[in-house]
Structure formats: C-alpha cells, structure tokens
Amino acid sequence: MGILLTILFVVLFFKLTGLFFRVCGKLLGIAFSLFGYALIGMLAIAVLGVAVNAIPILALVCIGAIIVAAVKN
C-alpha cells in the first residue's frame, strides 16, 4: 500500500509541477511580450518623431535642388 501511495504522490506532484510551470510560463510570456511591445512602440514613436521633423526639411532641400537644376538648364 505504501509503494502505491508513493507512486500516486509522484504522479500527482509531477502533474502539479507541469501545471505550475505552464501557468508561470504563460504569465512570464505575457509580461515579457507587453514589455517588448512597449519597447517597440517607444522606438516607433521615436523614429516617427524624427521622421516628422526630418521629412519637411528633406522636402525643402529637394525642392531647392529641383529649382537650382531648372535654373541652370
């Protein structure tokens, strides 16, 4: 009877350990993915902020180059 009880406890604790690691893995995955998405979002906002400032300047430079090229010819 004792060996059967031991085997039963081993199986039970094995299942509980698997459940525990599955739950912890889900929670850590959610936390890390939220952190990763926040980091990607911050980088995208930073790049977009640079682009919002840089695109009008590039457009003015291009328009100036087109005017200079048109005047020379």
PDB file of N, CA and C in Angstrom:
ATOM      1  N   MET A   1       0.817  -1.192   0.000  1.00  0.00           N
ATOM      2  CA  MET A   1       0.000   0.000   0.000  1.00  0.00           C
ATOM      3  C   MET A   1       0.863   1.260   0.000  1.00  0.00           C
ATOM      4  N   GLY A   2       1.992   1.193   0.712  1.00  0.00           N
ATOM      5  CA  GLY A   2       2.867   2.362   0.808  1.00  0.00           C
ATOM      6  C   GLY A   2       3.500   2.721  -0.525  1.00  0.00           C
ATOM      7  N   ILE A   3       3.902   1.687  -1.299  1.00  0.00           N
ATOM      8  CA  ILE A   3       4.539   1.957  -2.592  1.00  0.00           C
ATOM      9  C   ILE A   3       3.532   2.529  -3.587  1.00  0.00           C
ATOM     10  N   LEU A   4       2.276   2.062  -3.507  1.00  0.00           N
ATOM     11  CA  LEU A   4       1.235   2.600  -4.390  1.00  0.00           C
ATOM     12  C   LEU A   4       0.946   4.062  -4.063  1.00  0.00           C
ATOM     13  N   LEU A   5       0.929   4.371  -2.772  1.00  0.00           N
ATOM     14  CA  LEU A   5       0.708   5.754  -2.349  1.00  0.00           C
ATOM     15  C   LEU A   5       1.867   6.644  -2.798  1.00  0.00           C
ATOM     16  N   THR A   6       3.085   6.130  -2.707  1.00  0.00           N
ATOM     17  CA  THR A   6       4.252   6.881  -3.159  1.00  0.00           C
ATOM     18  C   THR A   6       4.182   7.143  -4.659  1.00  0.00           C
ATOM     19  N   ILE A   7       3.828   6.124  -5.431  1.00  0.00           N
ATOM     20  CA  ILE A   7       3.698   6.290  -6.883  1.00  0.00           C
ATOM     21  C   ILE A   7       2.598   7.297  -7.205  1.00  0.00           C
ATOM     22  N   LEU A   8       1.495   7.222  -6.474  1.00  0.00           N
ATOM     23  CA  LEU A   8       0.393   8.162  -6.678  1.00  0.00           C
ATOM     24  C   LEU A   8       0.838   9.601  -6.404  1.00  0.00           C
ATOM     25  N   PHE A   9       1.582   9.797  -5.307  1.00  0.00           N
ATOM     26  CA  PHE A   9       2.075  11.137  -4.986  1.00  0.00           C
ATOM     27  C   PHE A   9       3.076  11.635  -6.027  1.00  0.00           C
ATOM     28  N   VAL A  10       3.935  10.740  -6.514  1.00  0.00           N
ATOM     29  CA  VAL A  10       4.906  11.132  -7.542  1.00  0.00           C
ATOM     30  C   VAL A  10       4.180  11.608  -8.797  1.00  0.00           C
ATOM     31  N   VAL A  11       3.180  10.850  -9.221  1.00  0.00           N
ATOM     32  CA  VAL A  11       2.410  11.228 -10.410  1.00  0.00           C
ATOM     33  C   VAL A  11       1.666  12.537 -10.165  1.00  0.00           C
ATOM     34  N   LEU A  12       1.056  12.667  -8.987  1.00  0.00           N
ATOM     35  CA  LEU A  12       0.304  13.877  -8.658  1.00  0.00           C
ATOM     36  C   LEU A  12       1.210  15.106  -8.638  1.00  0.00           C
ATOM     37  N   PHE A  13       2.360  14.996  -7.984  1.00  0.00           N
ATOM     38  CA  PHE A  13       3.272  16.137  -7.919  1.00  0.00           C
ATOM     39  C   PHE A  13       3.885  16.445  -9.282  1.00  0.00           C
ATOM     40  N   PHE A  14       4.096  15.415 -10.097  1.00  0.00           N
ATOM     41  CA  PHE A  14       4.592  15.637 -11.456  1.00  0.00           C
ATOM     42  C   PHE A  14       3.582  16.456 -12.255  1.00  0.00           C
ATOM     43  N   LYS A  15       2.305  16.093 -12.139  1.00  0.00           N
ATOM     44  CA  LYS A  15       1.245  16.827 -12.847  1.00  0.00           C
ATOM     45  C   LYS A  15       1.131  18.255 -12.311  1.00  0.00           C
ATOM     46  N   LEU A  16       1.186  18.410 -10.989  1.00  0.00           N
ATOM     47  CA  LEU A  16       1.097  19.751 -10.405  1.00  0.00           C
ATOM     48  C   LEU A  16       2.284  20.622 -10.807  1.00  0.00           C
ATOM     49  N   THR A  17       3.468  20.026 -10.882  1.00  0.00           N
ATOM     50  CA  THR A  17       4.642  20.775 -11.311  1.00  0.00           C
ATOM     51  C   THR A  17       4.490  21.229 -12.757  1.00  0.00           C
ATOM     52  N   GLY A  18       3.996  20.350 -13.615  1.00  0.00           N
ATOM     53  CA  GLY A  18       3.758  20.733 -15.009  1.00  0.00           C
ATOM     54  C   GLY A  18       2.747  21.859 -15.119  1.00  0.00           C
ATOM     55  N   LEU A  19       1.677  21.782 -14.337  1.00  0.00           N
ATOM     56  CA  LEU A  19       0.670  22.843 -14.333  1.00  0.00           C
ATOM     57  C   LEU A  19       1.266  24.153 -13.835  1.00  0.00           C
ATOM     58  N   PHE A  20       2.068  24.072 -12.758  1.00  0.00           N
ATOM     59  CA  PHE A  20       2.691  25.269 -12.200  1.00  0.00           C
ATOM     60  C   PHE A  20       3.599  25.941 -13.225  1.00  0.00           C
ATOM     61  N   PHE A  21       4.446  25.150 -13.896  1.00  0.00           N
ATOM     62  CA  PHE A  21       5.352  25.730 -14.878  1.00  0.00           C
ATOM     63  C   PHE A  21       4.600  26.262 -16.093  1.00  0.00           C
ATOM     64  N   ARG A  22       3.501  25.621 -16.457  1.00  0.00           N
ATOM     65  CA  ARG A  22       2.700  26.104 -17.577  1.00  0.00           C
ATOM     66  C   ARG A  22       2.087  27.464 -17.245  1.00  0.00           C
ATOM     67  N   VAL A  23       1.550  27.596 -16.033  1.00  0.00           N
ATOM     68  CA  VAL A  23       0.946  28.868 -15.609  1.00  0.00           C
ATOM     69  C   VAL A  23       2.014  29.952 -15.491  1.00  0.00           C
ATOM     70  N   CYS A  24       3.149  29.621 -14.880  1.00  0.00           N
ATOM     71  CA  CYS A  24       4.232  30.603 -14.751  1.00  0.00           C
ATOM     72  C   CYS A  24       4.766  31.010 -16.121  1.00  0.00           C
ATOM     73  N   GLY A  25       4.860  30.065 -17.033  1.00  0.00           N
ATOM     74  CA  GLY A  25       5.319  30.376 -18.383  1.00  0.00           C
ATOM     75  C   GLY A  25       4.374  31.316 -19.103  1.00  0.00           C
ATOM     76  N   LYS A  26       3.075  31.090 -18.945  1.00  0.00           N
ATOM     77  CA  LYS A  26       2.091  31.993 -19.565  1.00  0.00           C
ATOM     78  C   LYS A  26       2.221  33.398 -18.988  1.00  0.00           C
ATOM     79  N   LEU A  27       2.320  33.488 -17.656  1.00  0.00           N
ATOM     80  CA  LEU A  27       2.410  34.804 -17.024  1.00  0.00           C
ATOM     81  C   LEU A  27       3.689  35.532 -17.424  1.00  0.00           C
ATOM     82  N   LEU A  28       4.811  34.816 -17.431  1.00  0.00           N
ATOM     83  CA  LEU A  28       6.062  35.444 -17.846  1.00  0.00           C
ATOM     84  C   LEU A  28       6.026  35.822 -19.320  1.00  0.00           C
ATOM     85  N   GLY A  29       5.411  34.986 -20.141  1.00  0.00           N
ATOM     86  CA  GLY A  29       5.280  35.309 -21.557  1.00  0.00           C
ATOM     87  C   GLY A  29       4.460  36.561 -21.774  1.00  0.00           C
ATOM     88  N   ILE A  30       3.379  36.705 -21.027  1.00  0.00           N
ATOM     89  CA  ILE A  30       2.553  37.915 -21.136  1.00  0.00           C
ATOM     90  C   ILE A  30       3.352  39.139 -20.696  1.00  0.00           C
ATOM     91  N   ALA A  31       4.060  39.023 -19.578  1.00  0.00           N
ATOM     92  CA  ALA A  31       4.827  40.161 -19.067  1.00  0.00           C
ATOM     93  C   ALA A  31       5.926  40.560 -20.045  1.00  0.00           C
ATOM     94  N   PHE A  32       6.680  39.584 -20.554  1.00  0.00           N
ATOM     95  CA  PHE A  32       7.765  39.903 -21.476  1.00  0.00           C
ATOM     96  C   PHE A  32       7.241  40.430 -22.803  1.00  0.00           C
ATOM     97  N   SER A  33       6.107  39.903 -23.275  1.00  0.00           N
ATOM     98  CA  SER A  33       5.572  40.392 -24.543  1.00  0.00           C
ATOM     99  C   SER A  33       5.052  41.817 -24.385  1.00  0.00           C
ATOM    100  N   LEU A  34       4.424  42.127 -23.249  1.00  0.00           N
ATOM    101  CA  LEU A  34       3.982  43.507 -23.019  1.00  0.00           C
ATOM    102  C   LEU A  34       5.175  44.454 -22.969  1.00  0.00           C
ATOM    103  N   PHE A  35       6.251  44.022 -22.299  1.00  0.00           N
ATOM    104  CA  PHE A  35       7.455  44.845 -22.245  1.00  0.00           C
ATOM    105  C   PHE A  35       8.047  45.019 -23.639  1.00  0.00           C
ATOM    106  N   GLY A  36       8.068  43.936 -24.415  1.00  0.00           N
ATOM    107  CA  GLY A  36       8.612  44.012 -25.771  1.00  0.00           C
ATOM    108  C   GLY A  36       7.786  44.908 -26.671  1.00  0.00           C
ATOM    109  N   TYR A  37       6.446  44.780 -26.593  1.00  0.00           N
ATOM    110  CA  TYR A  37       5.591  45.639 -27.412  1.00  0.00           C
ATOM    111  C   TYR A  37       5.727  47.097 -26.994  1.00  0.00           C
ATOM    112  N   ALA A  38       5.884  47.368 -25.710  1.00  0.00           N
ATOM    113  CA  ALA A  38       6.082  48.743 -25.251  1.00  0.00           C
ATOM    114  C   ALA A  38       7.402  49.294 -25.781  1.00  0.00           C
ATOM    115  N   LEU A  39       8.446  48.471 -25.765  1.00  0.00           N
ATOM    116  CA  LEU A  39       9.742  48.902 -26.283  1.00  0.00           C
ATOM    117  C   LEU A  39       9.670  49.179 -27.777  1.00  0.00           C
ATOM    118  N   ILE A  40       9.024  48.296 -28.527  1.00  0.00           N
ATOM    119  CA  ILE A  40       8.874  48.506 -29.966  1.00  0.00           C
ATOM    120  C   ILE A  40       8.046  49.760 -30.232  1.00  0.00           C
ATOM    121  N   GLY A  41       6.995  49.971 -29.440  1.00  0.00           N
ATOM    122  CA  GLY A  41       6.179  51.174 -29.595  1.00  0.00           C
ATOM    123  C   GLY A  41       6.968  52.442 -29.323  1.00  0.00           C
ATOM    124  N   MET A  42       7.799  52.420 -28.283  1.00  0.00           N
ATOM    125  CA  MET A  42       8.616  53.603 -27.991  1.00  0.00           C
ATOM    126  C   MET A  42       9.606  53.876 -29.110  1.00  0.00           C
ATOM    127  N   LEU A  43      10.211  52.825 -29.652  1.00  0.00           N
ATOM    128  CA  LEU A  43      11.133  53.017 -30.772  1.00  0.00           C
ATOM    129  C   LEU A  43      10.407  53.560 -31.997  1.00  0.00           C
ATOM    130  N   ALA A  44       9.210  53.044 -32.267  1.00  0.00           N
ATOM    131  CA  ALA A  44       8.447  53.519 -33.422  1.00  0.00           C
ATOM    132  C   ALA A  44       8.063  54.984 -33.253  1.00  0.00           C
ATOM    133  N   ILE A  45       7.668  55.363 -32.049  1.00  0.00           N
ATOM    134  CA  ILE A  45       7.310  56.762 -31.809  1.00  0.00           C
ATOM    135  C   ILE A  45       8.534  57.658 -31.950  1.00  0.00           C
ATOM    136  N   ALA A  46       9.689  57.189 -31.466  1.00  0.00           N
ATOM    137  CA  ALA A  46      10.909  57.982 -31.599  1.00  0.00           C
ATOM    138  C   ALA A  46      11.290  58.152 -33.064  1.00  0.00           C
ATOM    139  N   VAL A  47      11.208  57.068 -33.841  1.00  0.00           N
ATOM    140  CA  VAL A  47      11.547  57.153 -35.265  1.00  0.00           C
ATOM    141  C   VAL A  47      10.541  58.036 -35.990  1.00  0.00           C
ATOM    142  N   LEU A  48       9.259  57.902 -35.649  1.00  0.00           N
ATOM    143  CA  LEU A  48       8.234  58.728 -36.274  1.00  0.00           C
ATOM    144  C   LEU A  48       8.445  60.193 -35.920  1.00  0.00           C
ATOM    145  N   GLY A  49       8.829  60.468 -34.684  1.00  0.00           N
ATOM    146  CA  GLY A  49       9.109  61.850 -34.290  1.00  0.00           C
ATOM    147  C   GLY A  49      10.265  62.431 -35.078  1.00  0.00           C
ATOM    148  N   VAL A  50      11.309  61.638 -35.294  1.00  0.00           N
ATOM    149  CA  VAL A  50      12.434  62.092 -36.113  1.00  0.00           C
ATOM    150  C   VAL A  50      11.977  62.300 -37.549  1.00  0.00           C
ATOM    151  N   ALA A  51      11.143  61.388 -38.051  1.00  0.00           N
ATOM    152  CA  ALA A  51      10.672  61.489 -39.428  1.00  0.00           C
ATOM    153  C   ALA A  51       9.790  62.716 -39.618  1.00  0.00           C
ATOM    154  N   VAL A  52       8.961  63.034 -38.636  1.00  0.00           N
ATOM    155  CA  VAL A  52       8.088  64.206 -38.747  1.00  0.00           C
ATOM    156  C   VAL A  52       8.920  65.476 -38.830  1.00  0.00           C
ATOM    157  N   ASN A  53      10.056  65.516 -38.146  1.00  0.00           N
ATOM    158  CA  ASN A  53      10.924  66.688 -38.212  1.00  0.00           C
ATOM    159  C   ASN A  53      11.805  66.668 -39.453  1.00  0.00           C
ATOM    160  N   ALA A  54      12.218  65.500 -39.902  1.00  0.00           N
ATOM    161  CA  ALA A  54      13.190  65.410 -40.988  1.00  0.00           C
ATOM    162  C   ALA A  54      12.547  65.484 -42.366  1.00  0.00           C
ATOM    163  N   ILE A  55      11.340  64.967 -42.534  1.00  0.00           N
ATOM    164  CA  ILE A  55      10.726  64.916 -43.868  1.00  0.00           C
ATOM    165  C   ILE A  55      10.481  66.310 -44.440  1.00  0.00           C
ATOM    166  N   PRO A  56       9.954  67.285 -43.691  1.00  0.00           N
ATOM    167  CA  PRO A  56       9.805  68.622 -44.285  1.00  0.00           C
ATOM    168  C   PRO A  56      11.136  69.255 -44.674  1.00  0.00           C
ATOM    169  N   ILE A  57      12.170  69.005 -43.875  1.00  0.00           N
ATOM    170  CA  ILE A  57      13.490  69.548 -44.213  1.00  0.00           C
ATOM    171  C   ILE A  57      14.000  68.907 -45.494  1.00  0.00           C
ATOM    172  N   LEU A  58      13.855  67.584 -45.610  1.00  0.00           N
ATOM    173  CA  LEU A  58      14.266  66.904 -46.839  1.00  0.00           C
ATOM    174  C   LEU A  58      13.451  67.382 -48.031  1.00  0.00           C
ATOM    175  N   ALA A  59      12.167  67.627 -47.834  1.00  0.00           N
ATOM    176  CA  ALA A  59      11.326  68.118 -48.924  1.00  0.00           C
ATOM    177  C   ALA A  59      11.799  69.492 -49.382  1.00  0.00           C
ATOM    178  N   LEU A  60      12.147  70.363 -48.446  1.00  0.00           N
ATOM    179  CA  LEU A  60      12.644  71.693 -48.817  1.00  0.00           C
ATOM    180  C   LEU A  60      13.967  71.597 -49.566  1.00  0.00           C
ATOM    181  N   VAL A  61      14.848  70.726 -49.125  1.00  0.00           N
ATOM    182  CA  VAL A  61      16.133  70.538 -49.818  1.00  0.00           C
ATOM    183  C   VAL A  61      15.897  70.019 -51.230  1.00  0.00           C
ATOM    184  N   CYS A  62      14.988  69.069 -51.385  1.00  0.00           N
ATOM    185  CA  CYS A  62      14.692  68.521 -52.717  1.00  0.00           C
ATOM    186  C   CYS A  62      14.078  69.579 -53.622  1.00  0.00           C
ATOM    187  N   ILE A  63      13.167  70.373 -53.091  1.00  0.00           N
ATOM    188  CA  ILE A  63      12.560  71.440 -53.897  1.00  0.00           C
ATOM    189  C   ILE A  63      13.622  72.451 -54.303  1.00  0.00           C
ATOM    190  N   GLY A  64      14.514  72.777 -53.367  1.00  0.00           N
ATOM    191  CA  GLY A  64      15.617  73.697 -53.706  1.00  0.00           C
ATOM    192  C   GLY A  64      16.515  73.117 -54.784  1.00  0.00           C
ATOM    193  N   ALA A  65      16.811  71.826 -54.707  1.00  0.00           N
ATOM    194  CA  ALA A  65      17.653  71.193 -55.729  1.00  0.00           C
ATOM    195  C   ALA A  65      16.954  71.189 -57.082  1.00  0.00           C
ATOM    196  N   ILE A  66      15.652  70.972 -57.096  1.00  0.00           N
ATOM    197  CA  ILE A  66      14.900  70.992 -58.361  1.00  0.00           C
ATOM    198  C   ILE A  66      14.911  72.397 -58.954  1.00  0.00           C
ATOM    199  N   ILE A  67      14.746  73.417 -58.116  1.00  0.00           N
ATOM    200  CA  ILE A  67      14.767  74.804 -58.612  1.00  0.00           C
ATOM    201  C   ILE A  67      16.141  75.152 -59.161  1.00  0.00           C
ATOM    202  N   VAL A  68      17.200  74.774 -58.452  1.00  0.00           N
ATOM    203  CA  VAL A  68      18.564  75.044 -58.929  1.00  0.00           C
ATOM    204  C   VAL A  68      18.816  74.324 -60.245  1.00  0.00           C
ATOM    205  N   ALA A  69      18.378  73.074 -60.359  1.00  0.00           N
ATOM    206  CA  ALA A  69      18.572  72.323 -61.605  1.00  0.00           C
ATOM    207  C   ALA A  69      17.770  72.944 -62.740  1.00  0.00           C
ATOM    208  N   ALA A  70      16.583  73.457 -62.456  1.00  0.00           N
ATOM    209  CA  ALA A  70      15.759  74.075 -63.502  1.00  0.00           C
ATOM    210  C   ALA A  70      16.355  75.400 -63.951  1.00  0.00           C
ATOM    211  N   VAL A  71      16.941  76.174 -63.048  1.00  0.00           N
ATOM    212  CA  VAL A  71      17.524  77.475 -63.394  1.00  0.00           C
ATOM    213  C   VAL A  71      18.795  77.289 -64.216  1.00  0.00           C
ATOM    214  N   LYS A  72      19.600  76.269 -63.906  1.00  0.00           N
ATOM    215  CA  LYS A  72      20.851  76.034 -64.639  1.00  0.00           C
ATOM    216  C   LYS A  72      20.578  75.642 -66.084  1.00  0.00           C
ATOM    217  N   ASN A  73      19.506  74.926 -66.347  1.00  0.00           N
ATOM    218  CA  ASN A  73      19.221  74.479 -67.713  1.00  0.00           C
ATOM    219  C   ASN A  73      18.290  75.460 -68.286  1.00  0.00           C
TER     220      ASN A  73
END
